Amino acid sequence: MSFITGLFRSLQELLAFGLERFYELIPSFGINIIMLTLTINFILFPLTLRQTRATRAFQEIQPEIKRIQKEYKDDPETMQKELMRTQREAGATPGGCLLPILVQSPIWFALFRVLRNISWTANGQLAEFDAEPILHAGTALKAAVERNDIGFLGMSLGSNMSDGITAGGLSALPYIGMLVLMVASQYFQQWHAQRGQTKKTDLTQQQRQQQQTQQLITRGLPLFIGVISWGFPAGLVLYWATSNLFRVGQQFALFAIDGRPSPPSSEPPDGGSPKSDDGDDNGDGGSSAKGPKPHPVSQKKQRRRRR
């Protein structure tokens, strides 16, 4: 455990070092937070792209997975082999979905801790929380933080959002604007991600329930984050808002590269075709014979993923 703790502390010091170097280039703590947030997001973009493609592949092969589970329900060993083969061919390996998250989560949590530590330093609260300073002695940024000289767009980034907003008057407007920007940008990102999916009339009952759950999360999560941000330092909210705006642009880029996700399929799990209007179920008496069902992931996407 001590090794993990030391490794996490080293990650925090690396992020603090980045803020200190940015401050030497541009002596504005707010701009430094934006620069560091963008830098991290650009570095992690390849992992995000991989995660997005793997998640999309999992969604695309859901009908095939259901068919395999139904066909081999009495043969678990064959079912597992078929599921692994289908996921591998589609590029939907669990590692593609989980590995990027495992890499990104410690970075974001470490940055959260760094900004919170800086806020405590600015407000003289390090001793109160029994914390050690994260900034290195003798740097210009640490001197500015100790003077609480970390204003940005009319806000003190070391102050809590609640203090800035309850102060009232014109001084509260930058804090309110930052909070609104953070909530609105996250709401827009989630709305944009779900826009263009199938209409409710095209969905099965299970898919309708899933869509309602997604809509509830889309509407509720940004508001929930806005509420808990009430007690966060303004610097953390600036970081959060910058991350949201970057993810919006990133989402546009991902859709431009790979296209929008395909709507959820409402095909029966057994892969059967719905009956035609004249009652023919595409059996032997049908007007034309259909070939085998194509794989959910196109050959073009498979070649791209192999690269």
Protein backbone atom coordinates (compact mmCIF):
# COMPACT_ATOMS: atom_id res chain seq x y z
CA MET A 1 0.00 0.00 0.00
CA SER A 2 2.86 2.40 0.78
CA PHE A 3 4.20 1.89 -2.75
CA ILE A 4 0.85 2.83 -4.27
CA THR A 5 0.56 5.84 -1.98
CA GLY A 6 4.05 6.99 -2.94
CA LEU A 7 3.30 6.50 -6.62
CA PHE A 8 0.11 8.54 -6.33
CA ARG A 9 1.99 11.28 -4.47
CA SER A 10 4.59 11.34 -7.26
CA LEU A 11 1.80 11.78 -9.81
CA GLN A 12 0.44 14.74 -7.86
CA GLU A 13 3.89 16.32 -7.70
CA LEU A 14 4.30 15.87 -11.45
CA LEU A 15 1.02 17.68 -12.09
CA ALA A 16 2.03 20.43 -9.65
CA PHE A 17 5.34 20.72 -11.48
CA GLY A 18 3.41 21.20 -14.72
CA LEU A 19 1.38 24.03 -13.20
CA GLU A 20 4.58 25.66 -11.92
CA ARG A 21 6.21 25.51 -15.36
CA PHE A 22 3.11 26.93 -17.05
CA TYR A 23 3.04 29.76 -14.51
CA GLU A 24 6.59 30.72 -15.51
CA LEU A 25 5.38 31.05 -19.11
CA ILE A 26 2.10 32.82 -18.35
CA PRO A 27 1.70 34.13 -14.77
CA SER A 28 -2.04 33.43 -14.55
CA PHE A 29 -3.19 30.52 -12.42
CA GLY A 30 -6.51 30.30 -14.27
CA ILE A 31 -4.80 30.00 -17.65
CA ASN A 32 -2.37 27.48 -16.12
CA ILE A 33 -5.29 25.24 -15.07
CA ILE A 34 -6.74 25.47 -18.57
CA MET A 35 -3.36 24.70 -20.18
CA LEU A 36 -2.70 21.71 -17.94
CA THR A 37 -6.22 20.33 -18.43
CA LEU A 38 -5.94 20.60 -22.21
CA THR A 39 -2.47 19.05 -22.19
CA ILE A 40 -3.67 16.03 -20.23
CA ASN A 41 -6.70 15.60 -22.47
CA PHE A 42 -4.60 15.75 -25.64
CA ILE A 43 -2.17 13.18 -24.25
CA LEU A 44 -5.03 10.86 -23.30
CA PHE A 45 -6.93 11.31 -26.57
CA PRO A 46 -5.59 8.08 -28.18
CA LEU A 47 -6.78 6.11 -25.15
CA THR A 48 -10.14 7.86 -25.26
CA LEU A 49 -10.47 7.03 -28.95
CA ARG A 50 -9.69 3.38 -28.23
CA GLN A 51 -12.19 3.27 -25.40
CA THR A 52 -14.90 4.88 -27.53
CA ARG A 53 -14.38 2.42 -30.37
CA ALA A 54 -14.38 -0.58 -28.06
CA THR A 55 -17.56 0.60 -26.33
CA ARG A 56 -19.25 1.23 -29.66
CA ALA A 57 -18.22 -2.21 -30.88
CA PHE A 58 -19.80 -3.79 -27.81
CA GLN A 59 -23.05 -1.98 -28.56
CA GLU A 60 -23.01 -3.06 -32.20
CA ILE A 61 -22.60 -6.75 -31.44
CA GLN A 62 -25.31 -6.94 -28.78
CA PRO A 63 -27.79 -8.66 -31.14
CA GLU A 64 -25.12 -11.23 -32.05
CA ILE A 65 -24.27 -11.78 -28.39
CA LYS A 66 -27.93 -12.40 -27.56
CA ARG A 67 -28.19 -14.86 -30.45
CA ILE A 68 -25.13 -16.79 -29.24
CA GLN A 69 -26.39 -16.85 -25.67
CA LYS A 70 -29.72 -18.26 -26.79
CA GLU A 71 -28.27 -20.75 -29.28
CA TYR A 72 -25.64 -22.18 -26.90
CA LYS A 73 -27.45 -21.78 -23.59
CA ASP A 74 -27.02 -25.52 -22.94
CA ASP A 75 -23.32 -25.51 -23.91
CA PRO A 76 -21.52 -22.88 -21.77
CA GLU A 77 -18.06 -23.79 -23.06
CA THR A 78 -19.00 -23.29 -26.71
CA MET A 79 -20.93 -20.15 -25.80
CA GLN A 80 -17.84 -18.64 -24.16
CA LYS A 81 -15.68 -19.47 -27.17
CA GLU A 82 -18.18 -17.93 -29.57
CA LEU A 83 -18.55 -14.80 -27.44
CA MET A 84 -14.78 -14.34 -27.26
CA ARG A 85 -14.45 -14.86 -31.00
CA THR A 86 -17.20 -12.34 -31.77
CA GLN A 87 -15.74 -9.74 -29.42
CA ARG A 88 -12.23 -10.23 -30.77
CA GLU A 89 -13.31 -9.87 -34.41
CA ALA A 90 -15.33 -6.76 -33.58
CA GLY A 91 -12.51 -5.14 -31.58
CA ALA A 92 -14.72 -5.16 -28.50
CA THR A 93 -12.21 -6.59 -26.05
CA PRO A 94 -12.80 -5.73 -22.37
CA GLY A 95 -9.28 -4.29 -22.18
CA GLY A 96 -10.17 -1.72 -24.82
CA CYS A 97 -12.95 -0.42 -22.59
CA LEU A 98 -11.37 -0.76 -19.16
CA LEU A 99 -7.68 0.00 -19.67
CA PRO A 100 -8.19 3.66 -20.71
CA ILE A 101 -10.40 4.22 -17.66
CA LEU A 102 -7.82 2.64 -15.37
CA VAL A 103 -5.16 4.97 -16.80
CA GLN A 104 -7.23 8.15 -16.77
CA SER A 105 -8.90 7.86 -13.37
CA PRO A 106 -5.73 8.23 -11.23
CA ILE A 107 -4.65 11.25 -13.30
CA TRP A 108 -7.94 13.09 -12.85
CA PHE A 109 -8.15 12.24 -9.14
CA ALA A 110 -4.56 13.37 -8.63
CA LEU A 111 -5.28 16.68 -10.37
CA PHE A 112 -8.32 17.11 -8.12
CA ARG A 113 -6.08 16.61 -5.07
CA VAL A 114 -3.47 19.07 -6.38
CA LEU A 115 -6.00 21.85 -6.96
CA ARG A 116 -7.61 21.24 -3.60
CA ASN A 117 -4.20 21.39 -1.90
CA ILE A 118 -3.46 24.69 -3.64
CA SER A 119 -6.81 26.05 -2.43
CA TRP A 120 -5.95 25.06 1.14
CA THR A 121 -2.57 26.75 0.80
CA ALA A 122 -4.16 29.96 -0.47
CA ASN A 123 -6.59 30.02 2.44
CA GLY A 124 -4.08 28.95 5.09
CA GLN A 125 -5.92 25.69 5.76
CA LEU A 126 -3.14 23.14 5.27
CA ALA A 127 -2.64 22.66 9.01
CA GLU A 128 -6.40 22.37 9.53
CA PHE A 129 -6.55 19.40 7.13
CA ASP A 130 -3.17 18.01 8.24
CA ALA A 131 -1.82 18.25 4.70
CA GLU A 132 1.61 18.94 3.25
CA PRO A 133 2.07 21.61 0.55
CA ILE A 134 2.13 20.17 -2.95
CA LEU A 135 3.87 23.14 -4.61
CA HIS A 136 7.65 23.25 -4.55
CA ALA A 137 9.41 25.89 -2.44
CA GLY A 138 10.91 28.86 -4.25
CA THR A 139 8.60 28.74 -7.28
CA ALA A 140 6.71 31.80 -8.45
CA LEU A 141 3.41 29.94 -8.34
CA LYS A 142 3.80 28.97 -4.70
CA ALA A 143 4.61 32.56 -3.78
CA ALA A 144 1.50 33.75 -5.62
CA VAL A 145 -0.67 31.09 -3.96
CA GLU A 146 0.62 31.96 -0.48
CA ARG A 147 -0.32 35.60 -1.19
CA ASN A 148 -3.70 34.32 -2.43
CA ASP A 149 -2.90 36.15 -5.64
CA ILE A 150 -4.63 33.65 -7.89
CA GLY A 151 -7.49 35.67 -9.34
CA PHE A 152 -8.99 34.89 -12.73
CA LEU A 153 -11.87 36.64 -14.51
CA GLY A 154 -12.96 38.33 -11.30
CA MET A 155 -12.78 35.14 -9.22
CA SER A 156 -10.40 34.02 -6.53
CA LEU A 157 -9.63 30.46 -7.63
CA GLY A 158 -8.71 29.50 -4.08
CA SER A 159 -12.13 30.48 -2.72
CA ASN A 160 -15.08 28.12 -2.52
CA MET A 161 -17.89 28.66 -4.99
CA SER A 162 -20.31 29.09 -2.09
CA ASP A 163 -18.31 32.00 -0.68
CA GLY A 164 -18.07 33.72 -4.05
CA ILE A 165 -21.76 33.36 -4.87
CA THR A 166 -23.13 34.28 -1.45
CA ALA A 167 -21.00 37.43 -1.45
CA GLY A 168 -23.68 38.92 -3.69
CA GLY A 169 -23.41 41.89 -6.02
CA LEU A 170 -21.39 41.97 -9.22
CA SER A 171 -18.58 39.98 -7.62
CA ALA A 172 -20.83 36.90 -7.60
CA LEU A 173 -21.47 36.97 -11.36
CA PRO A 174 -18.18 35.28 -12.44
CA TYR A 175 -18.78 32.41 -10.01
CA ILE A 176 -22.37 31.97 -11.18
CA GLY A 177 -21.28 32.13 -14.82
CA MET A 178 -18.59 29.48 -14.26
CA LEU A 179 -21.05 27.18 -12.51
CA VAL A 180 -23.63 27.59 -15.28
CA LEU A 181 -20.97 26.96 -17.92
CA MET A 182 -19.86 23.75 -16.21
CA VAL A 183 -23.41 22.37 -15.90
CA ALA A 184 -24.50 23.49 -19.38
CA SER A 185 -21.43 22.09 -21.12
CA GLN A 186 -21.86 18.70 -19.48
CA TYR A 187 -25.56 18.66 -20.33
CA PHE A 188 -24.83 19.59 -23.95
CA GLN A 189 -22.18 16.88 -24.27
CA GLN A 190 -24.55 14.17 -23.09
CA TRP A 191 -27.43 15.50 -25.19
CA HIS A 192 -25.24 15.63 -28.29
CA ALA A 193 -24.04 12.07 -27.71
CA GLN A 194 -27.63 10.75 -27.64
CA ARG A 195 -29.06 12.95 -30.40
CA GLY A 196 -30.16 11.10 -33.50
CA GLN A 197 -30.83 7.75 -31.85
CA THR A 198 -33.90 5.75 -32.80
CA LYS A 199 -37.34 7.04 -31.95
CA LYS A 200 -39.31 5.45 -29.17
CA THR A 201 -41.64 3.81 -31.72
CA ASP A 202 -38.66 1.90 -33.15
CA LEU A 203 -37.51 0.49 -29.83
CA THR A 204 -38.34 -2.63 -27.92
CA GLN A 205 -39.72 -2.38 -24.39
CA GLN A 206 -36.27 -3.12 -22.91
CA GLN A 207 -34.63 -0.50 -25.11
CA ARG A 208 -37.28 2.06 -24.13
CA GLN A 209 -36.48 1.46 -20.48
CA GLN A 210 -32.77 1.84 -21.18
CA GLN A 211 -33.43 5.08 -23.06
CA GLN A 212 -35.49 6.46 -20.18
CA THR A 213 -32.67 5.63 -17.77
CA GLN A 214 -30.15 7.37 -20.01
CA GLN A 215 -32.36 10.45 -20.24
CA LEU A 216 -32.71 10.53 -16.46
CA ILE A 217 -28.93 10.42 -16.10
CA THR A 218 -28.49 13.05 -18.83
CA ARG A 219 -30.77 15.47 -17.05
CA GLY A 220 -29.87 14.68 -13.47
CA LEU A 221 -26.11 14.15 -13.43
CA PRO A 222 -25.06 17.68 -14.53
CA LEU A 223 -27.38 19.20 -11.93
CA PHE A 224 -26.05 16.86 -9.26
CA ILE A 225 -22.47 17.84 -10.08
CA GLY A 226 -23.50 21.49 -10.00
CA VAL A 227 -24.90 21.03 -6.49
CA ILE A 228 -21.84 19.27 -5.08
CA SER A 229 -19.60 21.90 -6.74
CA TRP A 230 -21.12 24.47 -4.39
CA GLY A 231 -18.46 23.57 -1.82
CA PHE A 232 -15.57 23.17 -4.29
CA PRO A 233 -12.83 25.75 -4.87
CA ALA A 234 -13.37 27.87 -7.97
CA GLY A 235 -10.15 26.47 -9.45
CA LEU A 236 -11.65 22.97 -9.43
CA VAL A 237 -14.82 24.19 -11.14
CA LEU A 238 -12.68 25.90 -13.79
CA TYR A 239 -10.86 22.62 -14.37
CA TRP A 240 -14.18 20.77 -14.61
CA ALA A 241 -15.68 23.28 -17.05
CA THR A 242 -12.54 23.17 -19.22
CA SER A 243 -12.65 19.37 -19.28
CA ASN A 244 -16.32 19.44 -20.30
CA LEU A 245 -15.67 21.87 -23.15
CA PHE A 246 -12.75 19.77 -24.35
CA ARG A 247 -14.89 16.64 -24.30
CA VAL A 248 -17.54 18.40 -26.38
CA GLY A 249 -14.94 19.21 -29.04
CA GLN A 250 -13.47 15.73 -28.69
CA GLN A 251 -16.90 14.22 -29.25
CA PHE A 252 -17.36 16.21 -32.47
CA ALA A 253 -13.93 14.96 -33.60
CA LEU A 254 -14.75 11.33 -32.77
CA PHE A 255 -18.02 11.54 -34.69
CA ALA A 256 -16.16 13.08 -37.62
CA ILE A 257 -13.61 10.23 -37.59
CA ASP A 258 -15.92 7.26 -36.98
CA GLY A 259 -19.38 8.64 -37.60
CA ARG A 260 -22.24 8.66 -35.12
CA PRO A 261 -22.99 5.46 -33.21
CA SER A 262 -25.50 3.18 -34.88
CA PRO A 263 -28.96 3.20 -33.25
CA PRO A 264 -29.67 0.17 -31.05
CA SER A 265 -30.91 -2.79 -33.06
CA SER A 266 -34.41 -4.03 -32.37
CA GLU A 267 -33.86 -7.36 -34.12
CA PRO A 268 -35.01 -10.46 -32.25
CA PRO A 269 -32.24 -12.15 -30.23
CA ASP A 270 -32.45 -15.24 -32.43
CA GLY A 271 -31.58 -13.20 -35.47
CA GLY A 272 -34.93 -13.93 -37.11
CA SER A 273 -36.51 -11.49 -39.51
CA PRO A 274 -39.83 -9.85 -38.82
CA LYS A 275 -42.73 -11.05 -40.87
CA SER A 276 -43.63 -9.23 -44.03
CA ASP A 277 -46.92 -7.44 -44.47
CA ASP A 278 -48.46 -10.36 -46.42
CA GLY A 279 -47.81 -12.75 -43.55
CA ASP A 280 -44.84 -14.47 -45.23
CA ASP A 281 -42.06 -15.11 -42.74
CA ASN A 282 -39.38 -15.30 -45.45
CA GLY A 283 -39.49 -19.07 -45.45
CA ASP A 284 -39.29 -21.29 -48.49
CA GLY A 285 -42.32 -19.62 -50.01
CA GLY A 286 -40.67 -16.21 -49.96
CA SER A 287 -39.94 -14.37 -53.14
CA SER A 288 -36.22 -14.27 -52.49
CA ALA A 289 -33.72 -16.09 -50.30
CA LYS A 290 -31.57 -14.07 -47.96
CA GLY A 291 -27.93 -14.73 -47.35
CA PRO A 292 -26.32 -15.10 -43.96
CA LYS A 293 -26.63 -12.23 -41.54
CA PRO A 294 -23.69 -9.82 -41.90
CA HIS A 295 -21.39 -9.27 -38.97
CA PRO A 296 -22.39 -6.23 -36.88
CA VAL A 297 -19.02 -4.58 -37.43
CA SER A 298 -18.14 -3.73 -41.01
CA GLN A 299 -14.98 -4.93 -42.68
CA LYS A 300 -13.85 -1.36 -42.98
CA LYS A 301 -13.98 -0.86 -39.22
CA GLN A 302 -12.21 -4.15 -38.65
CA ARG A 303 -9.33 -3.11 -40.95
CA ARG A 304 -9.13 0.24 -39.17
CA ARG A 305 -8.95 -1.39 -35.76
CA ARG A 306 -6.25 -3.81 -36.86
CA ARG A 307 -4.15 -0.84 -37.84
